[in-house]
PDB file of N, CA and C in Angstrom:
ATOM      1  N   MET A   1      -9.487   9.587  17.336  1.00  0.00           N
ATOM      2  CA  MET A   1      -8.643   8.768  16.177  1.00  0.00           C
ATOM      3  C   MET A   1      -8.610   7.639  17.123  1.00  0.00           C
ATOM      4  N   THR A   2      -7.907   6.216  15.794  1.00  0.00           N
ATOM      5  CA  THR A   2      -7.964   5.285  16.098  1.00  0.00           C
ATOM      6  C   THR A   2      -6.947   5.025  15.166  1.00  0.00           C
ATOM      7  N   LYS A   3      -5.495   4.372  15.939  1.00  0.00           N
ATOM      8  CA  LYS A   3      -4.103   3.968  15.174  1.00  0.00           C
ATOM      9  C   LYS A   3      -4.401   2.665  15.216  1.00  0.00           C
ATOM     10  N   ILE A   4      -4.120   2.211  14.117  1.00  0.00           N
ATOM     11  CA  ILE A   4      -4.280   0.830  13.726  1.00  0.00           C
ATOM     12  C   ILE A   4      -2.609   0.089  13.149  1.00  0.00           C
ATOM     13  N   TYR A   5      -2.932  -1.231  14.361  1.00  0.00           N
ATOM     14  CA  TYR A   5      -1.494  -1.926  13.946  1.00  0.00           C
ATOM     15  C   TYR A   5      -1.575  -2.901  13.743  1.00  0.00           C
ATOM     16  N   THR A   6      -1.628  -3.974  12.778  1.00  0.00           N
ATOM     17  CA  THR A   6      -1.274  -4.894  12.158  1.00  0.00           C
ATOM     18  C   THR A   6       0.347  -6.120  12.214  1.00  0.00           C
ATOM     19  N   PRO A   7       0.442  -7.123  12.996  1.00  0.00           N
ATOM     20  CA  PRO A   7       1.484  -7.516  12.691  1.00  0.00           C
ATOM     21  C   PRO A   7       1.760  -8.598  11.437  1.00  0.00           C
ATOM     22  N   ASN A   8       0.536  -8.671  10.578  1.00  0.00           N
ATOM     23  CA  ASN A   8       0.460  -8.796   9.076  1.00  0.00           C
ATOM     24  C   ASN A   8       1.855  -8.017   8.162  1.00  0.00           C
ATOM     25  N   ALA A   9       1.409  -6.530   8.376  1.00  0.00           N
ATOM     26  CA  ALA A   9       2.078  -6.264   7.284  1.00  0.00           C
ATOM     27  C   ALA A   9       3.348  -5.435   7.930  1.00  0.00           C
ATOM     28  N   PRO A  10       4.107  -4.774   7.563  1.00  0.00           N
ATOM     29  CA  PRO A  10       5.681  -4.055   8.195  1.00  0.00           C
ATOM     30  C   PRO A  10       5.653  -3.514   9.328  1.00  0.00           C
ATOM     31  N   GLU A  11       6.647  -3.106  10.205  1.00  0.00           N
ATOM     32  CA  GLU A  11       6.190  -2.086  11.240  1.00  0.00           C
ATOM     33  C   GLU A  11       6.560  -1.234  10.575  1.00  0.00           C
ATOM     34  N   ALA A  12       6.252   0.271  11.019  1.00  0.00           N
ATOM     35  CA  ALA A  12       6.481   1.865  10.079  1.00  0.00           C
ATOM     36  C   ALA A  12       7.887   2.129  10.239  1.00  0.00           C
ATOM     37  N   VAL A  13       8.884   2.177   9.333  1.00  0.00           N
ATOM     38  CA  VAL A  13      10.123   2.536   9.658  1.00  0.00           C
ATOM     39  C   VAL A  13      10.043   3.491   9.779  1.00  0.00           C
ATOM     40  N   GLY A  14       9.416   4.773  10.032  1.00  0.00           N
ATOM     41  CA  GLY A  14       9.527   5.308  10.676  1.00  0.00           C
ATOM     42  C   GLY A  14       8.675   6.199  12.468  1.00  0.00           C
ATOM     43  N   PRO A  15       8.930   7.251  12.666  1.00  0.00           N
ATOM     44  CA  PRO A  15       7.490   7.709  13.858  1.00  0.00           C
ATOM     45  C   PRO A  15       6.003   7.978  12.888  1.00  0.00           C
ATOM     46  N   TYR A  16       5.469   6.728  13.100  1.00  0.00           N
ATOM     47  CA  TYR A  16       4.183   7.046  12.089  1.00  0.00           C
ATOM     48  C   TYR A  16       3.072   5.719  12.117  1.00  0.00           C
ATOM     49  N   SER A  17       1.730   5.926  12.032  1.00  0.00           N
ATOM     50  CA  SER A  17       0.770   4.535  12.270  1.00  0.00           C
ATOM     51  C   SER A  17       0.965   3.967  11.091  1.00  0.00           C
ATOM     52  N   GLN A  18      -0.053   2.496  11.024  1.00  0.00           N
ATOM     53  CA  GLN A  18       0.318   1.724   9.469  1.00  0.00           C
ATOM     54  C   GLN A  18      -1.153   1.999   9.172  1.00  0.00           C
ATOM     55  N   ALA A  19      -1.917   2.940   9.851  1.00  0.00           N
ATOM     56  CA  ALA A  19      -2.793   3.631   9.230  1.00  0.00           C
ATOM     57  C   ALA A  19      -3.479   4.718  10.253  1.00  0.00           C
ATOM     58  N   VAL A  20      -4.660   5.276  10.496  1.00  0.00           N
ATOM     59  CA  VAL A  20      -5.329   5.821  11.477  1.00  0.00           C
ATOM     60  C   VAL A  20      -6.968   5.779  11.010  1.00  0.00           C
ATOM     61  N   VAL A  21      -7.712   5.384  11.845  1.00  0.00           N
ATOM     62  CA  VAL A  21      -9.395   6.050  12.186  1.00  0.00           C
ATOM     63  C   VAL A  21      -9.553   6.972  11.985  1.00  0.00           C
ATOM     64  N   SER A  22     -10.488   7.685  11.269  1.00  0.00           N
ATOM     65  CA  SER A  22     -10.597   8.482  11.733  1.00  0.00           C
ATOM     66  C   SER A  22     -12.336   8.525  11.683  1.00  0.00           C
ATOM     67  N   GLY A  23     -13.419   8.667  12.519  1.00  0.00           N
ATOM     68  CA  GLY A  23     -14.716   8.444  11.594  1.00  0.00           C
ATOM     69  C   GLY A  23     -15.195   7.170  11.174  1.00  0.00           C
ATOM     70  N   ASN A  24     -15.588   7.112   9.951  1.00  0.00           N
ATOM     71  CA  ASN A  24     -16.088   6.245   8.923  1.00  0.00           C
ATOM     72  C   ASN A  24     -15.555   5.710   7.937  1.00  0.00           C
ATOM     73  N   MET A  25     -13.653   6.261   7.963  1.00  0.00           N
ATOM     74  CA  MET A  25     -12.948   6.323   6.999  1.00  0.00           C
ATOM     75  C   MET A  25     -11.646   6.065   7.276  1.00  0.00           C
ATOM     76  N   VAL A  26     -10.394   5.176   6.915  1.00  0.00           N
ATOM     77  CA  VAL A  26      -9.423   4.769   7.497  1.00  0.00           C
ATOM     78  C   VAL A  26      -8.338   5.150   6.242  1.00  0.00           C
ATOM     79  N   TYR A  27      -7.527   5.487   7.106  1.00  0.00           N
ATOM     80  CA  TYR A  27      -6.317   6.657   5.847  1.00  0.00           C
ATOM     81  C   TYR A  27      -5.120   5.064   6.408  1.00  0.00           C
ATOM     82  N   THR A  28      -4.015   5.208   5.328  1.00  0.00           N
ATOM     83  CA  THR A  28      -3.134   4.521   5.897  1.00  0.00           C
ATOM     84  C   THR A  28      -2.168   5.040   4.815  1.00  0.00           C
ATOM     85  N   SER A  29      -0.860   4.644   5.936  1.00  0.00           N
ATOM     86  CA  SER A  29       0.255   4.902   5.562  1.00  0.00           C
ATOM     87  C   SER A  29       0.739   4.327   4.288  1.00  0.00           C
ATOM     88  N   GLY A  30       1.713   5.271   3.859  1.00  0.00           N
ATOM     89  CA  GLY A  30       2.341   3.980   2.159  1.00  0.00           C
ATOM     90  C   GLY A  30       2.656   2.908   2.929  1.00  0.00           C
ATOM     91  N   GLN A  31       2.273   2.327   1.918  1.00  0.00           N
ATOM     92  CA  GLN A  31       3.153   0.518   1.851  1.00  0.00           C
ATOM     93  C   GLN A  31       4.192   0.289   0.663  1.00  0.00           C
ATOM     94  N   ILE A  32       5.186  -0.001   1.841  1.00  0.00           N
ATOM     95  CA  ILE A  32       6.193  -0.405   0.459  1.00  0.00           C
ATOM     96  C   ILE A  32       6.441  -1.894   0.107  1.00  0.00           C
ATOM     97  N   ALA A  33       7.524  -3.028  -0.371  1.00  0.00           N
ATOM     98  CA  ALA A  33       7.047  -4.010  -0.431  1.00  0.00           C
ATOM     99  C   ALA A  33       7.685  -5.187   0.804  1.00  0.00           C
ATOM    100  N   ILE A  34       8.117  -4.167   1.669  1.00  0.00           N
ATOM    101  CA  ILE A  34       8.636  -4.688   2.860  1.00  0.00           C
ATOM    102  C   ILE A  34       8.046  -5.920   3.165  1.00  0.00           C
ATOM    103  N   ASN A  35       8.054  -6.919   3.178  1.00  0.00           N
ATOM    104  CA  ASN A  35       7.256  -8.851   4.522  1.00  0.00           C
ATOM    105  C   ASN A  35       8.378  -8.575   4.988  1.00  0.00           C
ATOM    106  N   PRO A  36       6.335  -8.793   5.734  1.00  0.00           N
ATOM    107  CA  PRO A  36       6.506  -8.902   7.258  1.00  0.00           C
ATOM    108  C   PRO A  36       6.903 -10.261   8.321  1.00  0.00           C
ATOM    109  N   GLU A  37       8.114 -10.718   7.690  1.00  0.00           N
ATOM    110  CA  GLU A  37       7.980 -12.305   7.898  1.00  0.00           C
ATOM    111  C   GLU A  37       9.708 -11.727   8.338  1.00  0.00           C
ATOM    112  N   THR A  38      10.375 -11.399   6.837  1.00  0.00           N
ATOM    113  CA  THR A  38      11.483 -11.209   7.152  1.00  0.00           C
ATOM    114  C   THR A  38      12.174  -9.726   7.516  1.00  0.00           C
ATOM    115  N   ASN A  39      11.258  -8.958   7.828  1.00  0.00           N
ATOM    116  CA  ASN A  39      10.979  -7.022   7.685  1.00  0.00           C
ATOM    117  C   ASN A  39      12.379  -6.982   6.500  1.00  0.00           C
ATOM    118  N   THR A  40      11.940  -7.806   4.968  1.00  0.00           N
ATOM    119  CA  THR A  40      13.264  -6.975   4.255  1.00  0.00           C
ATOM    120  C   THR A  40      12.021  -7.112   3.085  1.00  0.00           C
ATOM    121  N   ILE A  41      12.644  -6.726   1.761  1.00  0.00           N
ATOM    122  CA  ILE A  41      12.043  -6.521   0.341  1.00  0.00           C
ATOM    123  C   ILE A  41      12.924  -7.359  -0.606  1.00  0.00           C
ATOM    124  N   ASP A  42      11.711  -8.715  -0.092  1.00  0.00           N
ATOM    125  CA  ASP A  42      12.876 -10.038  -0.831  1.00  0.00           C
ATOM    126  C   ASP A  42      12.095  -9.774  -2.359  1.00  0.00           C
ATOM    127  N   LYS A  43      11.251  -9.119  -2.834  1.00  0.00           N
ATOM    128  CA  LYS A  43      11.492  -9.097  -4.795  1.00  0.00           C
ATOM    129  C   LYS A  43      12.162  -8.098  -5.442  1.00  0.00           C
ATOM    130  N   THR A  44      12.836  -7.902  -6.801  1.00  0.00           N
ATOM    131  CA  THR A  44      13.282  -7.131  -7.192  1.00  0.00           C
ATOM    132  C   THR A  44      12.699  -6.905  -8.379  1.00  0.00           C
ATOM    133  N   ASP A  45      11.371  -7.287  -8.727  1.00  0.00           N
ATOM    134  CA  ASP A  45      11.720  -7.048 -10.127  1.00  0.00           C
ATOM    135  C   ASP A  45       9.465  -5.918  -9.401  1.00  0.00           C
ATOM    136  N   ILE A  46       9.223  -5.535 -10.650  1.00  0.00           N
ATOM    137  CA  ILE A  46       8.086  -4.488  -9.878  1.00  0.00           C
ATOM    138  C   ILE A  46       6.817  -5.441  -9.753  1.00  0.00           C
ATOM    139  N   GLN A  47       6.682  -6.697 -10.032  1.00  0.00           N
ATOM    140  CA  GLN A  47       5.081  -6.947  -9.926  1.00  0.00           C
ATOM    141  C   GLN A  47       5.390  -7.888  -8.789  1.00  0.00           C
ATOM    142  N   GLY A  48       6.627  -8.311  -8.383  1.00  0.00           N
ATOM    143  CA  GLY A  48       6.746  -9.420  -6.974  1.00  0.00           C
ATOM    144  C   GLY A  48       6.580  -7.714  -6.114  1.00  0.00           C
ATOM    145  N   GLN A  49       7.466  -7.058  -6.141  1.00  0.00           N
ATOM    146  CA  GLN A  49       7.229  -6.100  -4.733  1.00  0.00           C
ATOM    147  C   GLN A  49       5.412  -5.335  -5.026  1.00  0.00           C
ATOM    148  N   ALA A  50       4.909  -4.963  -5.775  1.00  0.00           N
ATOM    149  CA  ALA A  50       3.479  -4.699  -5.978  1.00  0.00           C
ATOM    150  C   ALA A  50       2.610  -5.468  -5.697  1.00  0.00           C
ATOM    151  N   GLU A  51       2.670  -6.941  -6.034  1.00  0.00           N
ATOM    152  CA  GLU A  51       2.146  -8.249  -4.533  1.00  0.00           C
ATOM    153  C   GLU A  51       2.064  -7.999  -3.515  1.00  0.00           C
ATOM    154  N   GLN A  52       3.273  -7.926  -3.136  1.00  0.00           N
ATOM    155  CA  GLN A  52       4.167  -7.614  -1.018  1.00  0.00           C
ATOM    156  C   GLN A  52       2.880  -6.407  -1.193  1.00  0.00           C
ATOM    157  N   ILE A  53       2.778  -5.504  -1.754  1.00  0.00           N
ATOM    158  CA  ILE A  53       2.350  -4.501  -1.044  1.00  0.00           C
ATOM    159  C   ILE A  53       0.662  -4.528  -1.306  1.00  0.00           C
ATOM    160  N   MET A  54      -0.052  -4.577  -2.190  1.00  0.00           N
ATOM    161  CA  MET A  54      -1.418  -5.209  -1.766  1.00  0.00           C
ATOM    162  C   MET A  54      -1.327  -5.891  -0.722  1.00  0.00           C
ATOM    163  N   LYS A  55      -0.854  -7.519  -0.566  1.00  0.00           N
ATOM    164  CA  LYS A  55      -1.142  -7.961   0.470  1.00  0.00           C
ATOM    165  C   LYS A  55      -0.520  -7.220   2.314  1.00  0.00           C
ATOM    166  N   ASN A  56       0.190  -6.307   2.082  1.00  0.00           N
ATOM    167  CA  ASN A  56       0.393  -5.244   3.496  1.00  0.00           C
ATOM    168  C   ASN A  56      -0.508  -4.348   3.476  1.00  0.00           C
ATOM    169  N   LEU A  57      -1.123  -4.061   2.364  1.00  0.00           N
ATOM    170  CA  LEU A  57      -2.581  -2.854   2.211  1.00  0.00           C
ATOM    171  C   LEU A  57      -3.601  -3.964   2.913  1.00  0.00           C
ATOM    172  N   GLY A  58      -3.988  -5.035   2.410  1.00  0.00           N
ATOM    173  CA  GLY A  58      -4.721  -6.145   2.301  1.00  0.00           C
ATOM    174  C   GLY A  58      -5.135  -6.411   4.348  1.00  0.00           C
ATOM    175  N   ALA A  59      -4.040  -6.370   4.709  1.00  0.00           N
ATOM    176  CA  ALA A  59      -3.433  -7.108   5.682  1.00  0.00           C
ATOM    177  C   ALA A  59      -3.843  -4.793   6.739  1.00  0.00           C
ATOM    178  N   VAL A  60      -3.908  -4.445   6.264  1.00  0.00           N
ATOM    179  CA  VAL A  60      -3.634  -3.148   7.615  1.00  0.00           C
ATOM    180  C   VAL A  60      -5.480  -2.691   7.473  1.00  0.00           C
ATOM    181  N   LEU A  61      -5.406  -2.377   5.817  1.00  0.00           N
ATOM    182  CA  LEU A  61      -7.133  -2.446   6.113  1.00  0.00           C
ATOM    183  C   LEU A  61      -8.331  -4.045   6.538  1.00  0.00           C
ATOM    184  N   GLU A  62      -8.027  -4.790   6.329  1.00  0.00           N
ATOM    185  CA  GLU A  62      -8.807  -5.364   7.001  1.00  0.00           C
ATOM    186  C   GLU A  62      -8.666  -5.230   9.017  1.00  0.00           C
ATOM    187  N   LYS A  63      -7.611  -5.055   9.373  1.00  0.00           N
ATOM    188  CA  LYS A  63      -7.308  -4.796  11.269  1.00  0.00           C
ATOM    189  C   LYS A  63      -8.213  -3.611  11.405  1.00  0.00           C
ATOM    190  N   ALA A  64      -8.421  -3.045  10.028  1.00  0.00           N
ATOM    191  CA  ALA A  64      -9.011  -1.464  10.228  1.00  0.00           C
ATOM    192  C   ALA A  64     -10.599  -1.833  10.049  1.00  0.00           C
ATOM    193  N   GLY A  65     -10.944  -3.344   9.703  1.00  0.00           N
ATOM    194  CA  GLY A  65     -12.498  -3.569   9.236  1.00  0.00           C
ATOM    195  C   GLY A  65     -12.799  -2.989   8.228  1.00  0.00           C
ATOM    196  N   SER A  66     -11.981  -2.769   7.359  1.00  0.00           N
ATOM    197  CA  SER A  66     -12.336  -2.163   5.709  1.00  0.00           C
ATOM    198  C   SER A  66     -11.665  -3.441   4.847  1.00  0.00           C
ATOM    199  N   CYS A  67     -11.623  -3.034   3.621  1.00  0.00           N
ATOM    200  CA  CYS A  67     -11.136  -4.188   2.461  1.00  0.00           C
ATOM    201  C   CYS A  67     -10.563  -3.838   0.844  1.00  0.00           C
ATOM    202  N   PHE A  68     -10.634  -4.120   0.435  1.00  0.00           N
ATOM    203  CA  PHE A  68      -9.943  -3.696  -1.318  1.00  0.00           C
ATOM    204  C   PHE A  68     -11.300  -2.637  -1.599  1.00  0.00           C
ATOM    205  N   GLU A  69     -12.656  -3.463  -1.759  1.00  0.00           N
ATOM    206  CA  GLU A  69     -13.648  -3.224  -1.723  1.00  0.00           C
ATOM    207  C   GLU A  69     -14.275  -1.639  -1.446  1.00  0.00           C
ATOM    208  N   LYS A  70     -13.851  -1.338  -0.809  1.00  0.00           N
ATOM    209  CA  LYS A  70     -13.935  -0.160   0.076  1.00  0.00           C
ATOM    210  C   LYS A  70     -13.533   1.118   0.469  1.00  0.00           C
ATOM    211  N   VAL A  71     -12.184   1.167  -0.852  1.00  0.00           N
ATOM    212  CA  VAL A  71     -11.536   2.062  -0.972  1.00  0.00           C
ATOM    213  C   VAL A  71     -11.522   2.820  -1.836  1.00  0.00           C
ATOM    214  N   VAL A  72     -11.455   4.178  -1.492  1.00  0.00           N
ATOM    215  CA  VAL A  72     -12.285   5.095  -2.645  1.00  0.00           C
ATOM    216  C   VAL A  72     -11.428   6.130  -2.630  1.00  0.00           C
ATOM    217  N   LYS A  73     -10.008   5.997  -2.476  1.00  0.00           N
ATOM    218  CA  LYS A  73      -8.740   7.035  -3.669  1.00  0.00           C
ATOM    219  C   LYS A  73      -7.330   5.809  -3.195  1.00  0.00           C
ATOM    220  N   THR A  74      -6.622   6.288  -4.312  1.00  0.00           N
ATOM    221  CA  THR A  74      -5.431   5.546  -3.771  1.00  0.00           C
ATOM    222  C   THR A  74      -4.435   7.021  -4.184  1.00  0.00           C
ATOM    223  N   THR A  75      -3.210   7.041  -3.724  1.00  0.00           N
ATOM    224  CA  THR A  75      -2.584   7.188  -4.296  1.00  0.00           C
ATOM    225  C   THR A  75      -0.951   6.201  -4.428  1.00  0.00           C
ATOM    226  N   CYS A  76      -0.693   6.299  -5.708  1.00  0.00           N
ATOM    227  CA  CYS A  76       0.943   5.572  -5.885  1.00  0.00           C
ATOM    228  C   CYS A  76       1.868   5.889  -6.522  1.00  0.00           C
ATOM    229  N   PHE A  77       3.132   5.474  -5.490  1.00  0.00           N
ATOM    230  CA  PHE A  77       4.491   6.606  -5.829  1.00  0.00           C
ATOM    231  C   PHE A  77       4.801   5.359  -6.841  1.00  0.00           C
ATOM    232  N   LEU A  78       5.436   5.958  -7.951  1.00  0.00           N
ATOM    233  CA  LEU A  78       6.790   4.224  -8.679  1.00  0.00           C
ATOM    234  C   LEU A  78       8.120   5.620  -9.043  1.00  0.00           C
ATOM    235  N   ALA A  79       8.779   4.542  -8.495  1.00  0.00           N
ATOM    236  CA  ALA A  79      10.353   4.817  -8.947  1.00  0.00           C
ATOM    237  C   ALA A  79      11.154   5.191 -10.004  1.00  0.00           C
ATOM    238  N   ASP A  80      10.369   4.121 -11.346  1.00  0.00           N
ATOM    239  CA  ASP A  80      10.239   4.481 -12.391  1.00  0.00           C
ATOM    240  C   ASP A  80       9.315   4.345 -13.530  1.00  0.00           C
ATOM    241  N   MET A  81       8.363   5.635 -13.932  1.00  0.00           N
ATOM    242  CA  MET A  81       7.239   5.075 -14.442  1.00  0.00           C
ATOM    243  C   MET A  81       7.681   4.511 -16.017  1.00  0.00           C
ATOM    244  N   GLY A  82       8.453   3.696 -15.848  1.00  0.00           N
ATOM    245  CA  GLY A  82       8.718   2.805 -16.884  1.00  0.00           C
ATOM    246  C   GLY A  82       7.773   1.537 -16.337  1.00  0.00           C
ATOM    247  N   ASP A  83       8.050   1.583 -15.516  1.00  0.00           N
ATOM    248  CA  ASP A  83       7.155   0.239 -14.288  1.00  0.00           C
ATOM    249  C   ASP A  83       5.569   0.353 -14.885  1.00  0.00           C
ATOM    250  N   PHE A  84       4.901   1.668 -15.164  1.00  0.00           N
ATOM    251  CA  PHE A  84       3.773   1.911 -15.674  1.00  0.00           C
ATOM    252  C   PHE A  84       2.904   0.598 -15.493  1.00  0.00           C
ATOM    253  N   GLY A  85       2.671   0.393 -16.660  1.00  0.00           N
ATOM    254  CA  GLY A  85       1.909  -1.018 -17.162  1.00  0.00           C
ATOM    255  C   GLY A  85       2.092  -2.694 -16.155  1.00  0.00           C
ATOM    256  N   ALA A  86       3.419  -2.633 -15.853  1.00  0.00           N
ATOM    257  CA  ALA A  86       3.258  -3.859 -15.767  1.00  0.00           C
ATOM    258  C   ALA A  86       2.610  -4.282 -13.906  1.00  0.00           C
ATOM    259  N   PHE A  87       3.247  -2.134 -13.835  1.00  0.00           N
ATOM    260  CA  PHE A  87       2.563  -2.547 -11.588  1.00  0.00           C
ATOM    261  C   PHE A  87       1.026  -2.311 -12.025  1.00  0.00           C
ATOM    262  N   ASN A  88       0.620  -1.863 -12.868  1.00  0.00           N
ATOM    263  CA  ASN A  88      -1.118  -1.357 -13.455  1.00  0.00           C
ATOM    264  C   ASN A  88      -1.633  -3.394 -13.186  1.00  0.00           C
ATOM    265  N   GLU A  89      -0.951  -3.979 -14.049  1.00  0.00           N
ATOM    266  CA  GLU A  89      -1.124  -5.461 -13.822  1.00  0.00           C
ATOM    267  C   GLU A  89      -1.981  -6.008 -12.526  1.00  0.00           C
ATOM    268  N   VAL A  90      -0.766  -6.242 -11.418  1.00  0.00           N
ATOM    269  CA  VAL A  90      -1.294  -6.226 -10.146  1.00  0.00           C
ATOM    270  C   VAL A  90      -2.660  -5.498  -9.890  1.00  0.00           C
ATOM    271  N   TYR A  91      -2.224  -4.402  -9.979  1.00  0.00           N
ATOM    272  CA  TYR A  91      -2.661  -3.250  -9.574  1.00  0.00           C
ATOM    273  C   TYR A  91      -4.660  -3.071  -9.180  1.00  0.00           C
ATOM    274  N   ALA A  92      -4.479  -4.198 -10.695  1.00  0.00           N
ATOM    275  CA  ALA A  92      -5.922  -3.541 -11.248  1.00  0.00           C
ATOM    276  C   ALA A  92      -6.667  -5.488 -10.756  1.00  0.00           C
ATOM    277  N   LYS A  93      -5.848  -6.648 -10.202  1.00  0.00           N
ATOM    278  CA  LYS A  93      -6.597  -7.772  -9.960  1.00  0.00           C
ATOM    279  C   LYS A  93      -6.971  -7.045  -8.229  1.00  0.00           C
ATOM    280  N   TYR A  94      -6.219  -6.304  -7.799  1.00  0.00           N
ATOM    281  CA  TYR A  94      -6.940  -5.738  -6.006  1.00  0.00           C
ATOM    282  C   TYR A  94      -7.592  -4.754  -5.860  1.00  0.00           C
ATOM    283  N   PHE A  95      -8.286  -4.003  -7.289  1.00  0.00           N
ATOM    284  CA  PHE A  95      -9.272  -2.332  -7.306  1.00  0.00           C
ATOM    285  C   PHE A  95     -10.087  -2.948  -8.415  1.00  0.00           C
ATOM    286  N   THR A  96     -10.267  -3.573  -7.844  1.00  0.00           N
ATOM    287  CA  THR A  96     -11.638  -3.785  -9.253  1.00  0.00           C
ATOM    288  C   THR A  96     -12.974  -2.879  -9.026  1.00  0.00           C
ATOM    289  N   SER A  97     -12.686  -2.122  -7.628  1.00  0.00           N
ATOM    290  CA  SER A  97     -14.053  -1.812  -7.964  1.00  0.00           C
ATOM    291  C   SER A  97     -13.426   0.294  -8.634  1.00  0.00           C
ATOM    292  N   LEU A  98     -12.456   0.068  -8.937  1.00  0.00           N
ATOM    293  CA  LEU A  98     -12.198   1.308  -9.932  1.00  0.00           C
ATOM    294  C   LEU A  98     -11.508   3.433  -9.088  1.00  0.00           C
ATOM    295  N   PRO A  99     -11.132   2.422  -7.473  1.00  0.00           N
ATOM    296  CA  PRO A  99     -11.312   4.106  -6.991  1.00  0.00           C
ATOM    297  C   PRO A  99     -10.031   4.925  -7.879  1.00  0.00           C
ATOM    298  N   ALA A 100     -10.729   6.306  -7.118  1.00  0.00           N
ATOM    299  CA  ALA A 100     -10.265   7.155  -8.180  1.00  0.00           C
ATOM    300  C   ALA A 100      -8.398   6.982  -7.710  1.00  0.00           C
ATOM    301  N   ARG A 101      -7.729   8.001  -8.330  1.00  0.00           N
ATOM    302  CA  ARG A 101      -5.968   7.242  -8.130  1.00  0.00           C
ATOM    303  C   ARG A 101      -5.380   8.268  -9.115  1.00  0.00           C
ATOM    304  N   SER A 102      -4.031   8.770  -7.881  1.00  0.00           N
ATOM    305  CA  SER A 102      -3.296   9.581  -8.668  1.00  0.00           C
ATOM    306  C   SER A 102      -1.725   8.570  -8.548  1.00  0.00           C
ATOM    307  N   CYS A 103      -0.886   8.186  -9.396  1.00  0.00           N
ATOM    308  CA  CYS A 103      -0.273   8.044  -9.690  1.00  0.00           C
ATOM    309  C   CYS A 103       0.996   8.775 -10.690  1.00  0.00           C
ATOM    310  N   VAL A 104       2.214   8.763  -9.076  1.00  0.00           N
ATOM    311  CA  VAL A 104       3.705   9.809  -9.713  1.00  0.00           C
ATOM    312  C   VAL A 104       4.880   8.879  -9.820  1.00  0.00           C
ATOM    313  N   ALA A 105       5.584   9.283 -10.357  1.00  0.00           N
ATOM    314  CA  ALA A 105       6.726   8.919 -10.082  1.00  0.00           C
ATOM    315  C   ALA A 105       7.611  10.340  -9.223  1.00  0.00           C
ATOM    316  N   VAL A 106       8.573   9.161  -8.287  1.00  0.00           N
ATOM    317  CA  VAL A 106       9.273   9.637  -7.200  1.00  0.00           C
ATOM    318  C   VAL A 106      10.734   9.821  -8.141  1.00  0.00           C
ATOM    319  N   LYS A 107      11.641  10.465  -7.091  1.00  0.00           N
ATOM    320  CA  LYS A 107      13.193   9.941  -7.530  1.00  0.00           C
ATOM    321  C   LYS A 107      13.649   8.776  -6.474  1.00  0.00           C
ATOM    322  N   THR A 108      13.106   8.834  -5.066  1.00  0.00           N
ATOM    323  CA  THR A 108      13.650   7.735  -4.007  1.00  0.00           C
ATOM    324  C   THR A 108      12.804   7.355  -3.196  1.00  0.00           C
ATOM    325  N   LEU A 109      12.411   6.412  -3.339  1.00  0.00           N
ATOM    326  CA  LEU A 109      11.251   5.495  -2.088  1.00  0.00           C
ATOM    327  C   LEU A 109      12.121   5.012  -1.534  1.00  0.00           C
ATOM    328  N   PRO A 110      11.399   5.190   0.714  1.00  0.00           N
ATOM    329  CA  PRO A 110      11.974   4.266   1.304  1.00  0.00           C
ATOM    330  C   PRO A 110      12.992   3.126   0.922  1.00  0.00           C
ATOM    331  N   LYS A 111      14.070   2.518   1.858  1.00  0.00           N
ATOM    332  CA  LYS A 111      14.615   1.122   1.090  1.00  0.00           C
ATOM    333  C   LYS A 111      15.012   0.969   0.144  1.00  0.00           C
ATOM    334  N   ASN A 112      14.850   2.017  -0.495  1.00  0.00           N
ATOM    335  CA  ASN A 112      14.965   1.566  -2.892  1.00  0.00           C
ATOM    336  C   ASN A 112      14.125   0.787  -3.038  1.00  0.00           C
ATOM    337  N   ALA A 113      12.645   0.988  -2.536  1.00  0.00           N
ATOM    338  CA  ALA A 113      11.897  -0.030  -3.108  1.00  0.00           C
ATOM    339  C   ALA A 113      11.388   0.814  -4.537  1.00  0.00           C
ATOM    340  N   LEU A 114      10.772  -0.025  -5.373  1.00  0.00           N
ATOM    341  CA  LEU A 114      10.302   0.403  -6.831  1.00  0.00           C
ATOM    342  C   LEU A 114       9.060   1.018  -7.315  1.00  0.00           C
ATOM    343  N   ALA A 115       7.721   1.123  -5.778  1.00  0.00           N
ATOM    344  CA  ALA A 115       6.486   1.459  -5.605  1.00  0.00           C
ATOM    345  C   ALA A 115       6.140   2.091  -3.805  1.00  0.00           C
ATOM    346  N   GLU A 116       4.675   2.333  -4.098  1.00  0.00           N
ATOM    347  CA  GLU A 116       4.645   2.397  -2.561  1.00  0.00           C
ATOM    348  C   GLU A 116       3.369   2.957  -3.244  1.00  0.00           C
ATOM    349  N   VAL A 117       1.962   2.195  -2.569  1.00  0.00           N
ATOM    350  CA  VAL A 117       0.909   3.154  -2.201  1.00  0.00           C
ATOM    351  C   VAL A 117       0.164   2.886  -0.976  1.00  0.00           C
ATOM    352  N   GLU A 118      -0.858   4.338  -0.970  1.00  0.00           N
ATOM    353  CA  GLU A 118      -1.132   4.846   0.291  1.00  0.00           C
ATOM    354  C   GLU A 118      -2.387   4.535  -0.380  1.00  0.00           C
ATOM    355  N   VAL A 119      -3.610   4.319   0.561  1.00  0.00           N
ATOM    356  CA  VAL A 119      -5.621   4.429   0.220  1.00  0.00           C
ATOM    357  C   VAL A 119      -5.946   5.598   1.544  1.00  0.00           C
ATOM    358  N   ILE A 120      -7.426   6.120   1.170  1.00  0.00           N
ATOM    359  CA  ILE A 120      -7.930   5.745   1.684  1.00  0.00           C
ATOM    360  C   ILE A 120      -9.329   5.235   1.861  1.00  0.00           C
ATOM    361  N   ALA A 121     -10.249   4.232   2.332  1.00  0.00           N
ATOM    362  CA  ALA A 121     -11.645   3.753   2.342  1.00  0.00           C
ATOM    363  C   ALA A 121     -11.935   3.921   3.670  1.00  0.00           C
ATOM    364  N   GLU A 122     -13.392   3.499   3.312  1.00  0.00           N
ATOM    365  CA  GLU A 122     -14.858   3.157   4.218  1.00  0.00           C
ATOM    366  C   GLU A 122     -14.543   1.924   5.079  1.00  0.00           C
ATOM    367  N   ILE A 123     -15.179   2.480   6.089  1.00  0.00           N
ATOM    368  CA  ILE A 123     -15.116   1.380   7.032  1.00  0.00           C
ATOM    369  C   ILE A 123     -16.464   0.573   6.676  1.00  0.00           C
TER     370      ILE A 123
END
């Protein structure tokens, strides 16, 4: 296993890695909308947060030697399922290869984020 770290995505907010590579697969930790430059969630709407999440995931995937086109599975967590449509508008711009996906509503996310996304991708 190889642990992945990039300064272009936020530091882990707990005892875990941004991602781990095992064999020819990369498993990312969940990304929320923390801007790595400010270490804060700068956007208050779901689309702004989703865009930052995708930037963070893209940076982690790139560091691991992968990309959005190689994602095989995503898991999406929403604080409010009422944001599903607006979240999907942003999600669809990045996951054009249509990977398998789960999307669930959760009671609370770290730092009161509106969404969190983790992925599994090929390298």
